[in-house]
Protein backbone atom coordinates (compact mmCIF):
# COMPACT_ATOMS: atom_id res chain seq x y z
CA MET A 1 31.33 -17.93 18.54
CA ASN A 2 31.52 -20.68 15.70
CA VAL A 3 27.88 -21.79 17.09
CA PRO A 4 25.17 -22.12 13.84
CA LYS A 5 22.41 -19.57 14.50
CA ILE A 6 19.26 -21.49 15.78
CA PRO A 7 16.68 -20.93 12.70
CA LEU A 8 14.36 -19.25 15.23
CA GLY A 9 12.81 -16.42 12.41
CA ASP A 10 12.23 -19.68 10.04
CA TRP A 11 10.50 -21.66 12.40
CA VAL A 12 7.88 -18.41 13.19
CA ASP A 13 7.84 -17.86 9.69
CA VAL A 14 6.62 -21.52 9.21
CA LEU A 15 4.00 -21.51 11.95
CA VAL A 16 2.61 -18.28 10.66
CA LYS A 17 2.17 -19.67 7.38
CA TRP A 18 0.45 -22.52 8.78
CA VAL A 19 -1.82 -20.75 10.97
CA THR A 20 -2.78 -18.38 8.11
CA VAL A 21 -3.79 -21.26 6.17
CA ALA A 22 -5.42 -23.79 8.73
CA PHE A 23 -7.44 -20.63 10.26
CA ALA A 24 -8.24 -18.65 7.51
CA GLY A 25 -12.01 -19.34 7.64
CA PHE A 26 -11.90 -18.13 11.21
CA PHE A 27 -9.49 -15.01 10.68
CA THR A 28 -12.22 -13.92 7.64
CA PHE A 29 -15.17 -14.32 10.24
CA LEU A 30 -13.27 -12.34 13.19
CA THR A 31 -12.35 -9.60 10.01
CA THR A 32 -16.12 -9.36 9.16
CA VAL A 33 -17.56 -9.05 12.89
CA ILE A 34 -14.54 -6.67 13.68
CA GLU A 35 -15.30 -4.35 10.84
CA GLY A 36 -19.28 -4.96 11.11
CA LEU A 37 -19.04 -3.48 15.03
CA LEU A 38 -16.79 -0.72 13.84
CA ASN A 39 -18.88 0.20 11.04
CA ILE A 40 -21.82 0.32 13.43
CA VAL A 41 -20.02 2.34 16.17
CA VAL A 42 -18.81 5.09 13.54
CA ASP A 43 -22.61 5.16 12.31
CA VAL A 44 -23.78 5.70 15.60
CA LEU A 45 -20.69 8.46 16.52
CA SER A 46 -21.56 10.43 13.19
CA ALA A 47 -25.44 10.41 13.25
CA GLY A 48 -26.40 13.97 13.17
CA PRO A 49 -24.28 16.96 12.53
CA PRO A 50 -20.98 17.16 14.86
CA ILE A 51 -22.46 19.69 17.10
CA VAL A 52 -24.84 16.54 18.46
CA LEU A 53 -22.21 14.40 19.62
CA ILE A 54 -19.93 17.61 20.85
CA ILE A 55 -23.39 18.45 22.92
CA VAL A 56 -23.64 14.64 24.51
CA LEU A 57 -19.71 14.33 25.24
CA THR A 58 -19.59 17.59 26.82
CA LEU A 59 -22.92 16.60 29.13
CA LEU A 60 -20.91 13.35 29.66
CA VAL A 61 -18.38 14.98 30.87
CA ILE A 62 -19.67 17.19 33.22
CA TYR A 63 -21.96 14.62 34.76
CA THR A 64 -18.69 12.38 35.31
CA SER A 65 -16.21 15.17 36.40
CA ARG A 66 -18.06 18.57 36.92
CA TRP A 67 -18.57 21.32 34.84
CA PRO A 68 -14.99 23.02 34.63
CA LEU A 69 -14.21 19.95 32.80
CA GLY A 70 -17.02 19.90 30.80
CA ILE A 71 -16.17 23.47 29.45
CA PHE A 72 -12.95 21.97 28.63
CA ALA A 73 -14.55 19.31 26.63
CA LEU A 74 -16.77 21.64 25.06
CA VAL A 75 -14.19 23.81 23.66
CA SER A 76 -11.43 21.01 22.81
CA LEU A 77 -14.39 19.31 20.56
CA LEU A 78 -15.08 22.54 19.14
CA LEU A 79 -11.77 23.22 18.18
CA ILE A 80 -11.03 19.82 16.82
CA ASP A 81 -14.38 20.27 14.44
CA ASN A 82 -12.93 23.53 13.62
CA LEU A 83 -9.24 22.25 12.37
CA GLY A 84 -10.88 19.75 10.11
CA TYR A 85 -10.03 16.75 12.42
CA TRP A 86 -13.80 15.43 13.30
CA ASP A 87 -13.97 12.72 10.79
CA SER A 88 -10.66 11.74 11.73
CA SER A 89 -11.51 12.00 15.46
CA ILE A 90 -14.88 9.51 15.08
CA GLN A 91 -12.77 6.80 13.57
CA THR A 92 -10.33 7.04 16.33
CA ILE A 93 -12.81 7.59 19.15
CA ALA A 94 -14.54 4.18 17.25
CA ILE A 95 -11.16 2.28 17.33
CA VAL A 96 -10.42 3.08 20.77
CA LEU A 97 -13.87 2.14 22.14
CA LEU A 98 -13.86 -1.07 20.28
CA SER A 99 -10.49 -1.83 21.55
CA GLY A 100 -11.53 -0.91 24.94
CA LEU A 101 -14.66 -3.28 24.70
CA PHE A 102 -12.78 -6.12 23.71
CA THR A 103 -9.87 -5.80 26.49
CA ILE A 104 -12.89 -5.57 29.09
CA ILE A 105 -14.77 -8.90 27.34
CA ILE A 106 -11.09 -10.75 27.52
CA GLY A 107 -9.28 -8.86 30.02
CA ILE A 108 -11.69 -8.92 33.36
CA PRO A 109 -12.34 -12.69 32.63
CA VAL A 110 -8.36 -13.92 32.24
CA GLY A 111 -7.58 -11.54 35.12
CA ILE A 112 -10.55 -13.41 37.54
CA TRP A 113 -9.34 -16.38 36.05
CA CYS A 114 -5.50 -16.19 37.59
CA ALA A 115 -6.75 -14.78 40.69
CA GLN A 116 -8.57 -17.95 41.22
CA ARG A 117 -5.88 -20.55 39.74
CA LYS A 118 -2.40 -20.23 40.36
CA THR A 119 -1.43 -22.58 37.55
CA VAL A 120 -3.12 -20.07 35.66
CA HIS A 121 -1.66 -16.83 37.08
CA ARG A 122 1.97 -18.45 36.57
CA ILE A 123 1.48 -19.27 33.14
CA VAL A 124 -0.52 -15.52 31.84
CA THR A 125 2.12 -13.48 33.89
CA PRO A 126 5.37 -14.13 31.91
CA THR A 127 2.54 -13.78 28.69
CA LEU A 128 1.72 -10.67 29.85
CA ASP A 129 5.20 -9.70 30.52
CA PHE A 130 5.90 -10.30 26.64
CA MET A 131 3.31 -8.89 25.38
CA GLN A 132 3.89 -5.36 27.04
CA THR A 133 7.78 -5.61 26.35
CA MET A 134 7.89 -6.70 22.68
CA PRO A 135 7.32 -3.81 20.26
CA ALA A 136 4.24 -3.24 19.08
CA PHE A 137 4.88 -2.80 15.44
CA VAL A 138 6.15 -6.79 16.04
CA TYR A 139 2.13 -7.59 16.46
CA LEU A 140 1.37 -5.52 13.22
CA ILE A 141 3.44 -8.07 10.69
CA PRO A 142 1.23 -11.45 11.74
CA SER A 143 -2.05 -9.30 11.91
CA ILE A 144 -1.11 -8.33 8.15
CA LEU A 145 -1.19 -11.83 7.22
CA PHE A 146 -4.17 -13.05 9.10
CA PHE A 147 -6.58 -10.30 8.89
CA GLY A 148 -5.35 -8.41 5.65
CA ILE A 149 -4.42 -4.47 5.68
CA GLY A 150 -6.83 -2.37 7.03
CA VAL A 151 -8.40 -1.10 10.48
CA VAL A 152 -9.11 -4.73 11.85
CA PRO A 153 -5.01 -5.36 12.28
CA GLY A 154 -4.69 -2.22 13.87
CA ILE A 155 -7.39 -3.33 16.26
CA ILE A 156 -5.84 -6.76 17.18
CA ALA A 157 -2.81 -5.07 17.43
CA SER A 158 -4.08 -2.35 20.18
CA ILE A 159 -6.04 -5.20 22.16
CA ILE A 160 -2.75 -7.46 22.33
CA PHE A 161 -0.73 -4.42 23.61
CA ALA A 162 -3.69 -2.50 25.75
CA ILE A 163 -4.89 -6.07 27.87
CA ALA A 164 -2.23 -6.33 29.98
CA PRO A 165 -3.51 -3.61 32.46
CA THR A 166 -7.15 -5.02 32.62
CA ILE A 167 -5.75 -8.60 33.54
CA ARG A 168 -3.33 -7.33 35.82
CA MET A 169 -5.53 -4.74 37.79
CA THR A 170 -8.35 -7.16 37.86
CA ASN A 171 -6.32 -9.85 39.48
CA LEU A 172 -5.02 -7.62 42.02
CA GLY A 173 -7.81 -6.29 42.93
CA ILE A 174 -9.96 -9.61 44.06
CA LYS A 175 -6.69 -10.92 45.42
CA GLU A 176 -6.88 -7.52 47.83
CA VAL A 177 -10.20 -8.52 48.86
CA PRO A 178 -9.54 -8.48 52.63
CA LYS A 179 -10.01 -12.30 53.37
CA ASP A 180 -11.93 -12.04 56.47
CA LEU A 181 -14.67 -10.74 53.99
CA ILE A 182 -14.15 -14.07 52.16
CA GLU A 183 -14.55 -16.40 55.35
CA ALA A 184 -17.87 -14.37 56.43
CA ALA A 185 -19.34 -15.09 52.88
CA ASP A 186 -17.98 -19.05 53.01
CA ALA A 187 -19.66 -19.07 56.87
CA PHE A 188 -22.80 -17.86 55.37
CA GLY A 189 -22.83 -20.29 53.06
CA SER A 190 -22.03 -18.63 49.63
CA SER A 191 -21.47 -20.66 46.65
CA SER A 192 -18.41 -19.59 44.42
CA SER A 193 -20.10 -17.27 41.81
CA GLN A 194 -21.96 -15.54 45.17
CA LYS A 195 -18.27 -15.02 46.64
CA LEU A 196 -17.10 -13.41 43.04
CA PHE A 197 -20.26 -11.26 42.02
CA LYS A 198 -21.40 -10.28 45.62
CA VAL A 199 -18.15 -9.65 47.14
CA GLN A 200 -15.14 -9.72 45.50
CA LEU A 201 -15.82 -8.12 42.31
CA PRO A 202 -18.11 -5.01 44.04
CA ILE A 203 -14.60 -4.46 46.33
CA ALA A 204 -12.14 -4.94 43.59
CA THR A 205 -14.30 -2.52 40.90
CA PRO A 206 -12.17 0.39 41.62
CA THR A 207 -8.93 -1.41 40.64
CA ILE A 208 -10.50 -2.85 37.80
CA MET A 209 -12.09 0.21 36.78
CA ALA A 210 -8.29 1.69 36.64
CA GLY A 211 -7.06 -1.12 34.60
CA VAL A 212 -9.17 -0.62 32.06
CA ASN A 213 -8.85 3.16 32.46
CA GLN A 214 -5.18 2.36 31.39
CA SER A 215 -6.21 0.24 28.79
CA ILE A 216 -7.92 2.52 27.05
CA MET A 217 -5.09 5.00 27.36
CA LEU A 218 -2.74 2.44 25.65
CA ALA A 219 -4.99 1.57 22.95
CA LEU A 220 -4.93 5.18 22.06
CA SER A 221 -1.76 5.59 21.96
CA MET A 222 -1.67 2.92 19.32
CA VAL A 223 -3.64 5.02 16.72
CA VAL A 224 -0.36 6.06 15.16
CA THR A 225 1.16 2.50 14.81
CA ALA A 226 -2.12 1.05 13.53
CA SER A 227 -2.00 3.96 10.91
CA LEU A 228 1.01 1.82 9.38
CA VAL A 229 -1.43 -1.00 8.56
CA GLY A 230 -4.23 1.11 7.17
CA ALA A 231 -6.34 2.02 9.78
CA PRO A 232 -7.90 5.28 9.28
CA GLY A 233 -8.12 8.39 11.80
CA LEU A 234 -6.03 10.80 13.89
CA GLY A 235 -3.09 8.32 13.69
CA ALA A 236 -2.91 8.39 9.96
CA ASP A 237 -3.07 12.08 9.83
CA VAL A 238 0.02 12.24 12.34
CA TYR A 239 1.83 9.99 10.26
CA ARG A 240 1.10 11.86 6.64
CA ALA A 241 2.52 15.15 8.93
CA VAL A 242 5.49 13.29 9.85
CA SER A 243 6.25 11.93 6.53
CA GLN A 244 5.93 15.16 4.49
CA ILE A 245 7.54 17.49 7.31
CA ASP A 246 4.32 19.01 8.05
CA VAL A 247 4.89 20.67 11.30
CA GLY A 248 1.38 22.57 11.67
CA LYS A 249 -0.86 19.51 10.48
CA GLY A 250 0.78 17.51 12.72
CA PHE A 251 0.81 19.81 16.06
CA GLU A 252 -3.13 19.92 14.90
CA ALA A 253 -3.65 16.23 14.70
CA GLY A 254 -1.62 15.69 17.93
CA LEU A 255 -3.30 18.34 19.92
CA SER A 256 -6.70 16.71 18.70
CA ILE A 257 -5.34 13.18 19.90
CA VAL A 258 -4.41 14.90 23.14
CA PHE A 259 -7.82 16.15 23.97
CA ILE A 260 -9.72 12.93 23.37
CA ALA A 261 -7.15 11.31 25.31
CA VAL A 262 -7.99 13.86 28.08
CA ILE A 263 -11.81 13.44 27.62
CA LEU A 264 -11.76 9.52 27.19
CA ASP A 265 -9.32 9.33 30.56
CA ARG A 266 -11.33 11.49 32.89
CA ILE A 267 -15.03 10.20 31.65
CA SER A 268 -13.73 6.13 32.42
CA GLN A 269 -11.89 7.63 35.71
CA ASN A 270 -15.43 8.70 37.22
CA LEU A 271 -17.70 6.44 35.73
CA ARG A 272 -18.05 4.48 38.71
CA LYS A 273 -18.64 7.66 41.09
CA PRO A 274 -19.78 10.27 38.59
CA ALA A 275 -19.94 13.83 40.15
CA TYR A 276 -23.28 14.62 40.18
CA GLU A 277 -24.76 11.15 41.13
CA LYS A 278 -26.69 12.67 43.69
CA VAL A 279 -28.42 15.19 41.33
CA ILE A 280 -29.19 12.43 38.79
CA LYS A 281 -28.66 8.27 39.37
CA LYS A 282 -26.12 7.10 37.39
CA LYS A 283 -28.39 4.20 36.35
CA VAL A 284 -30.68 6.78 34.96
CA VAL A 285 -28.15 8.67 32.87
CA PHE A 286 -26.45 5.20 31.27
CA SER A 287 -29.81 3.83 30.72
CA ILE A 288 -30.89 6.58 28.80
CA LEU A 289 -27.54 6.85 27.06
CA ALA A 290 -27.81 3.00 26.16
CA VAL A 291 -31.23 3.44 24.74
CA LEU A 292 -30.26 6.35 22.96
CA VAL A 293 -26.97 4.38 21.25
CA ILE A 294 -29.40 1.31 20.56
CA LEU A 295 -32.22 3.45 18.62
CA THR A 296 -29.37 5.30 16.57
CA ALA A 297 -27.69 2.29 15.70
CA ILE A 298 -30.96 0.79 14.61
CA VAL A 299 -32.05 3.65 12.60
CA THR A 300 -28.87 4.46 11.27
CA GLY A 301 -29.16 0.48 10.15
CA VAL A 302 -32.36 0.78 8.59
CA THR A 303 -32.08 4.25 6.77
CA LYS A 304 -28.57 3.79 5.63
CA GLU A 305 -28.26 4.11 1.89
CA THR A 306 -25.17 3.02 0.17
CA ALA A 307 -23.88 6.42 -1.68
CA VAL A 308 -22.12 4.27 -4.25
CA LYS A 309 -23.92 1.00 -5.67
CA LYS A 310 -20.99 -1.36 -5.97
CA GLY A 311 -21.29 -4.51 -8.09
CA GLY A 312 -20.88 -2.78 -11.63
CA ASN A 313 -17.73 -3.87 -11.77
CA ARG A 314 -16.10 -7.15 -11.91
CA ILE A 315 -12.61 -6.46 -10.60
CA GLY A 316 -14.10 -4.06 -8.26
CA THR A 317 -16.54 -6.85 -6.74
CA GLN A 318 -13.52 -9.31 -6.47
CA THR A 319 -11.13 -6.48 -4.68
CA GLY A 320 -13.66 -4.88 -2.60
CA TYR A 321 -13.07 -1.92 -4.68
CA LYS A 322 -9.70 -1.17 -2.40
CA ILE A 323 -6.50 -0.17 -4.07
CA ILE A 324 -3.79 -1.24 -1.44
CA GLY A 325 -1.35 1.75 -0.88
CA ILE A 326 1.54 2.71 0.85
CA GLU A 327 2.69 5.47 3.32
CA PRO A 328 0.36 8.52 3.00
CA GLY A 329 3.05 11.01 2.38
CA ALA A 330 4.59 8.65 -0.67
CA GLY A 331 4.82 10.66 -3.80
CA ILE A 332 2.80 7.24 -5.54
CA MET A 333 0.35 8.01 -3.18
CA ALA A 334 -0.53 11.27 -4.47
CA GLN A 335 -0.49 10.08 -7.99
CA SER A 336 -2.79 7.21 -7.64
CA ASN A 337 -5.34 9.74 -6.05
CA LYS A 338 -4.60 11.64 -9.31
CA ALA A 339 -5.39 8.22 -10.95
CA ILE A 340 -8.77 7.82 -9.04
CA LYS A 341 -10.15 11.53 -10.17
CA ASP A 342 -8.37 11.08 -13.81
CA TYR A 343 -9.94 7.85 -14.53
CA GLN A 344 -13.21 8.82 -12.43
CA LEU A 345 -13.00 5.80 -10.56
CA ASP A 346 -15.53 7.45 -7.60
CA GLN A 347 -16.12 3.91 -6.22
CA TRP A 348 -12.56 2.93 -5.58
CA GLN A 349 -10.96 3.73 -1.78
CA LEU A 350 -7.12 3.99 -1.87
CA GLN A 351 -5.83 2.27 1.18
CA GLU A 352 -2.97 3.81 3.27
CA GLY A 353 -0.61 1.89 5.19
CA SER A 354 2.70 1.25 4.53
CA SER A 355 5.33 -0.64 2.12
CA ALA A 356 5.74 -3.70 4.20
CA ALA A 357 1.80 -3.61 4.72
CA MET A 358 1.47 -3.74 1.10
CA ALA A 359 4.00 -6.16 0.42
CA ALA A 360 2.27 -8.48 3.05
CA GLU A 361 -1.25 -8.29 1.84
CA LEU A 362 0.40 -8.96 -1.88
CA LYS A 363 2.05 -11.91 -0.80
CA LYS A 364 -1.00 -13.18 0.95
CA ALA A 365 -3.52 -12.51 -2.14
CA TYR A 366 -0.73 -13.92 -4.75
CA ASN A 367 -0.05 -17.28 -2.44
CA GLN A 368 -3.97 -17.43 -2.65
CA LYS A 369 -4.38 -16.22 -6.49
CA LYS A 370 -6.88 -13.90 -5.43
CA PRO A 371 -7.34 -10.74 -7.18
CA ILE A 372 -5.53 -7.81 -5.81
CA ILE A 373 -4.39 -3.92 -7.24
CA VAL A 374 -1.21 -2.58 -5.11
CA THR A 375 0.33 0.68 -5.81
CA GLY A 376 3.87 -0.30 -7.21
CA TRP A 377 7.29 0.68 -8.48
CA SER A 378 10.01 -0.74 -10.79
CA PRO A 379 12.75 -1.99 -9.72
CA HIS A 380 11.31 -3.64 -6.90
CA TRP A 381 11.96 -7.13 -5.76
CA MET A 382 8.25 -7.95 -6.18
CA PHE A 383 8.80 -8.53 -9.83
CA SER A 384 11.46 -10.84 -9.35
CA THR A 385 9.34 -12.71 -6.84
CA TYR A 386 5.82 -12.58 -8.21
CA ASP A 387 4.42 -12.71 -11.52
CA LEU A 388 3.06 -9.22 -12.01
CA LYS A 389 2.43 -6.36 -14.52
CA PHE A 390 1.59 -2.70 -14.29
CA LEU A 391 -2.16 -1.67 -15.88
CA GLU A 392 -1.82 0.62 -18.56
CA ASP A 393 -2.01 4.13 -17.59
CA PRO A 394 -3.14 5.89 -21.46
CA LYS A 395 -3.78 9.01 -19.40
CA LYS A 396 -0.55 9.28 -18.20
CA SER A 397 -1.22 9.95 -14.17
CA PHE A 398 1.79 8.07 -13.15
CA GLY A 399 3.87 10.37 -15.24
CA ALA A 400 6.56 8.62 -17.46
CA VAL A 401 9.48 6.73 -16.74
CA GLU A 402 11.60 8.61 -13.94
CA ASP A 403 15.01 8.54 -12.59
CA ILE A 404 16.45 8.33 -9.06
CA HIS A 405 18.95 11.07 -8.26
CA THR A 406 22.00 11.46 -5.91
CA ILE A 407 21.61 14.66 -3.88
CA VAL A 408 24.27 16.16 -1.36
CA ARG A 409 24.30 18.86 1.00
CA LYS A 410 25.92 22.22 0.17
CA GLY A 411 29.93 22.41 1.36
CA LEU A 412 30.33 18.66 0.78
CA GLU A 413 32.80 19.12 -1.95
CA GLN A 414 34.87 21.18 0.00
CA ASP A 415 34.90 18.82 3.16
CA ALA A 416 34.93 15.59 1.62
CA PRO A 417 36.01 15.89 -1.88
CA GLY A 418 36.72 11.94 -2.60
CA ALA A 419 33.13 10.94 -1.31
CA TYR A 420 31.65 13.70 -3.34
CA THR A 421 33.53 12.51 -6.38
CA ILE A 422 31.95 8.95 -5.61
CA LEU A 423 28.74 10.20 -5.01
CA ASP A 424 28.69 12.17 -8.07
CA GLN A 425 29.92 9.23 -10.32
CA PHE A 426 27.42 6.37 -8.82
CA SER A 427 25.30 5.47 -11.50
CA TRP A 428 24.11 1.76 -12.35
CA GLU A 429 20.87 0.06 -14.27
CA PRO A 430 17.97 -1.51 -13.01
CA ALA A 431 19.36 -5.11 -13.27
CA ASP A 432 22.06 -4.47 -11.10
CA ILE A 433 19.75 -3.04 -7.86
CA GLU A 434 17.34 -6.11 -8.49
CA LYS A 435 20.42 -8.68 -7.69
CA VAL A 436 21.07 -6.99 -4.70
CA MET A 437 17.17 -6.55 -3.65
CA VAL A 438 16.63 -9.92 -4.18
CA ASP A 439 19.69 -10.96 -2.19
CA ILE A 440 17.88 -8.82 0.43
CA LYS A 441 14.53 -10.30 0.27
CA ASP A 442 16.08 -13.84 0.51
CA GLY A 443 17.30 -12.74 4.08
CA THR A 444 20.93 -11.62 3.17
CA ASP A 445 22.27 -8.87 5.66
CA PRO A 446 21.74 -5.78 3.46
CA GLU A 447 25.55 -4.93 4.26
CA LYS A 448 26.42 -8.33 3.23
CA ALA A 449 24.31 -8.32 0.10
CA ALA A 450 26.21 -4.83 -1.05
CA LYS A 451 29.57 -6.40 -0.21
CA LYS A 452 28.53 -9.41 -2.49
CA TRP A 453 27.75 -7.18 -5.59
CA THR A 454 30.63 -4.66 -5.15
CA ASP A 455 32.92 -7.81 -5.01
CA ALA A 456 31.23 -9.01 -8.23
CA ASN A 457 31.43 -5.75 -9.68
CA LYS A 458 34.80 -4.38 -9.59
CA ASP A 459 34.72 -2.73 -12.83
CA LYS A 460 31.66 -0.74 -12.45
CA VAL A 461 32.61 0.36 -8.89
CA GLY A 462 36.07 1.41 -10.40
CA GLN A 463 34.00 3.78 -12.60
CA TRP A 464 32.27 5.36 -9.30
CA THR A 465 35.82 5.67 -7.54
CA ASN A 466 37.79 6.76 -10.69
CA GLY A 467 39.79 9.96 -9.80
CA ALA A 468 38.08 10.49 -5.94
CA LYS A 469 40.50 11.36 -3.26
CA ALA A 470 40.97 8.72 -0.62
CA GLY A 471 39.09 9.38 2.81
CA ASN A 472 40.98 9.92 5.71
CA GLY A 473 38.05 8.22 8.17
CA GLU A 474 35.84 11.54 7.48
CA THR A 475 32.15 10.43 8.48
CA ILE A 476 29.47 10.54 5.71
CA ASN A 477 26.04 10.55 6.90
CA LEU A 478 23.58 8.99 4.34
CA VAL A 479 19.93 8.94 4.50
CA TYR A 480 17.47 6.84 2.99
CA VAL A 481 13.92 6.07 3.06
CA ALA A 482 12.84 2.44 3.88
CA TRP A 483 11.92 1.26 0.50
CA ASP A 484 13.89 -1.93 -1.02
CA THR A 485 15.35 0.02 -3.59
CA GLU A 486 16.95 2.49 -1.41
CA ILE A 487 18.09 0.34 1.18
CA ALA A 488 19.82 -1.59 -1.64
CA SER A 489 21.40 1.47 -3.47
CA THR A 490 22.43 3.42 -0.07
CA ASN A 491 23.91 -0.12 1.27
CA VAL A 492 25.93 -0.36 -2.04
CA ILE A 493 27.28 3.07 -2.38
CA ALA A 494 28.00 2.70 1.51
CA LYS A 495 29.96 0.08 0.92
CA VAL A 496 31.88 1.71 -1.62
CA LEU A 497 32.72 4.90 0.51
CA GLU A 498 34.15 2.42 2.93
CA GLN A 499 36.22 0.81 0.74
CA ASN A 500 37.75 4.28 0.09
CA GLY A 501 38.75 5.61 3.54
CA PHE A 502 35.32 6.94 4.63
CA HIS A 503 33.17 5.90 7.84
CA VAL A 504 29.97 5.58 6.26
CA LYS A 505 26.75 6.34 8.92
CA LEU A 506 23.10 5.36 7.49
CA SER A 507 20.02 6.80 9.09
CA GLN A 508 16.42 5.67 8.10
CA VAL A 509 13.72 8.01 7.62
CA GLU A 510 11.02 9.02 6.02
CA VAL A 511 10.83 10.64 2.78
CA GLY A 512 10.21 14.23 3.68
CA PRO A 513 12.86 14.03 6.70
CA MET A 514 15.26 12.77 4.10
CA PHE A 515 14.93 15.71 2.11
CA ALA A 516 15.24 17.76 4.94
CA GLY A 517 18.13 16.45 6.52
CA VAL A 518 20.35 17.17 3.37
CA ALA A 519 18.78 20.61 2.93
CA ASN A 520 19.68 21.45 6.67
CA LYS A 521 22.98 19.91 6.49
CA SER A 522 22.20 17.30 9.20
CA ALA A 523 22.69 15.03 6.62
CA ASP A 524 25.54 14.68 3.88
CA GLY A 525 23.52 13.15 0.89
CA MET A 526 21.40 10.57 -0.31
CA VAL A 527 20.79 8.35 -3.58
CA SER A 528 16.61 7.79 -3.29
CA ALA A 529 15.10 10.87 -5.23
CA TRP A 530 12.55 9.82 -7.32
CA LEU A 531 12.26 12.92 -10.23
CA PRO A 532 10.72 14.39 -11.47
CA SER A 533 7.06 13.18 -10.15
CA THR A 534 7.82 11.11 -7.18
CA HIS A 535 9.22 13.26 -4.85
CA ALA A 536 8.38 16.58 -6.72
CA GLU A 537 6.85 18.40 -3.98
CA TYR A 538 9.76 17.84 -1.89
CA TYR A 539 12.27 18.63 -4.32
CA LYS A 540 10.38 21.86 -5.13
CA GLN A 541 10.66 22.83 -1.26
CA TYR A 542 14.25 22.13 -1.00
CA LYS A 543 15.91 22.59 -4.23
CA ASN A 544 17.92 25.75 -3.21
CA ASP A 545 19.54 24.14 -0.18
CA PHE A 546 21.41 21.27 -1.87
CA ILE A 547 22.96 20.09 -4.49
CA ASP A 548 21.43 17.87 -7.18
CA LEU A 549 24.12 15.58 -8.71
CA GLY A 550 21.97 14.18 -11.53
CA SER A 551 20.73 10.73 -12.05
CA ASN A 552 22.20 7.46 -10.85
CA LEU A 553 19.48 5.09 -12.12
CA HIS A 554 17.12 5.63 -15.19
CA GLY A 555 14.12 3.77 -16.10
CA THR A 556 12.06 3.67 -12.90
CA LYS A 557 8.38 3.21 -13.02
CA ASN A 558 5.50 4.05 -10.97
CA GLY A 559 1.59 2.61 -11.12
CA LEU A 560 -1.03 0.36 -10.12
CA VAL A 561 0.45 -3.36 -10.51
CA VAL A 562 -1.82 -6.43 -10.64
CA PRO A 563 -0.50 -10.24 -10.62
CA LYS A 564 -0.69 -11.89 -14.32
CA TYR A 565 -3.41 -13.79 -13.63
CA MET A 566 -6.00 -11.14 -13.14
CA ASP A 567 -7.84 -10.20 -16.58
CA ILE A 568 -7.38 -6.79 -16.63
CA ASN A 569 -4.90 -4.88 -18.30
CA SER A 570 -5.73 -0.95 -18.19
CA ILE A 571 -6.87 1.58 -15.23
CA GLU A 572 -9.71 2.35 -17.70
CA ASP A 573 -10.82 -1.43 -17.02
CA LEU A 574 -11.67 -0.56 -13.21
CA LYS A 575 -14.39 2.01 -14.20
């Protein structure tokens, strides 16, 4: 069909930009509130040694769900502490509890409103359908622009993703209250509020609690997704293990999430009718628990001392002593941590997240002319889009200029000699790749951007294909990491291979799986190995299981990047 494309994406972008500017004050206020509440919850959960919270949670599980599950809770929490995931578990529990609190505060009133007003129900139902079926990753994109990188967008996305069961089950529970009870309440002259709080809600409580339980479980399922925008906790540990192909750590972190899920599930399921309610009234137990939480919050708030006194560095004060990073398993993150140690930047925190989250945070700060420090590399489209500079690195924490290498599986030369030759001869300049990257950034489909470049640079393409045997439809599986440089280069070499008779399959993976895939021959090759430092660990691990065809691009650079409007030139200035 030749019908022009509806610019829906452009409309959404314009709307998001307008909302970001128009409600900037509200978003700042909400961010401050959520971060403040989260810090309070974390401080309360972290008060005292881990054994204190372990005992409290064990007793709570025993009271609500009987002693066998209490033993399971005790053993599992001790195991989490032994494995070294206690601090991450505290962060995860705090995020889930705060997300669950907001789903209750928002979800139950909306569910009641839906039950009482058919018009509201007709509007809310399709909205909930949209919220539940839309991929959770999509929520993260505007959340980053609204709230910045960190835990807040993760919590907001968790609330949006998890709130639907609470609303639906509250609506359902109230609607299922027998009509004869409602008629009886009306006969006795009950007001609307009396019917709601003395008849409908008490009868609907089991259904409502089932919805709350499901919302808590959904919020917990979002912890890994939330780590993509910098949310701390077990999700970040899982994400780091996946990117590094660390099966052991991935299993440990995942098992910790399972343990927490089981404990929170059983507690939330049995809050209404605890197993030992006949022994101790639940009002007494929950009152004692509430008093302990409030007193702990007050004590920690009064006695808490900042370990590092901030304010001595002007740039640090302006940026909140945060360096905006990317994926936790990326080589540049290891280099950044090394720089923090080398330059003794003890006050500074490297914020984990993703490349997309970093780019979104940079865009937001740049448009508002605010100070920001990000982990950056060149070539990258952001240097063509924004006026940026690398901070000088006199201690060489980020190493020298790097190359990007082409790596293929063993046996490719025999199985597809033409493809091997093309990959071996593939080589271009930073100026070449930046042209493709800018086109992709401006909205051109990567495949079309690659074709545009190959059509305009036939001489260079001819050098790559010189002497290469034409293919006969053989499938060449190329893997790449979702960095802008690798999206551009992989699509270009794929287009050249296709033009020479090969069928190319592209697979986007994380860095660790990219190297492992070529090493175990499930992938034929990649043009994305940053050496000698960025991907050094992966290269060292798998170097005997693949063939390194050498550099395809020289002149890459890693480091800390800031906008040129910032009055800072060296990493040493961050002290």
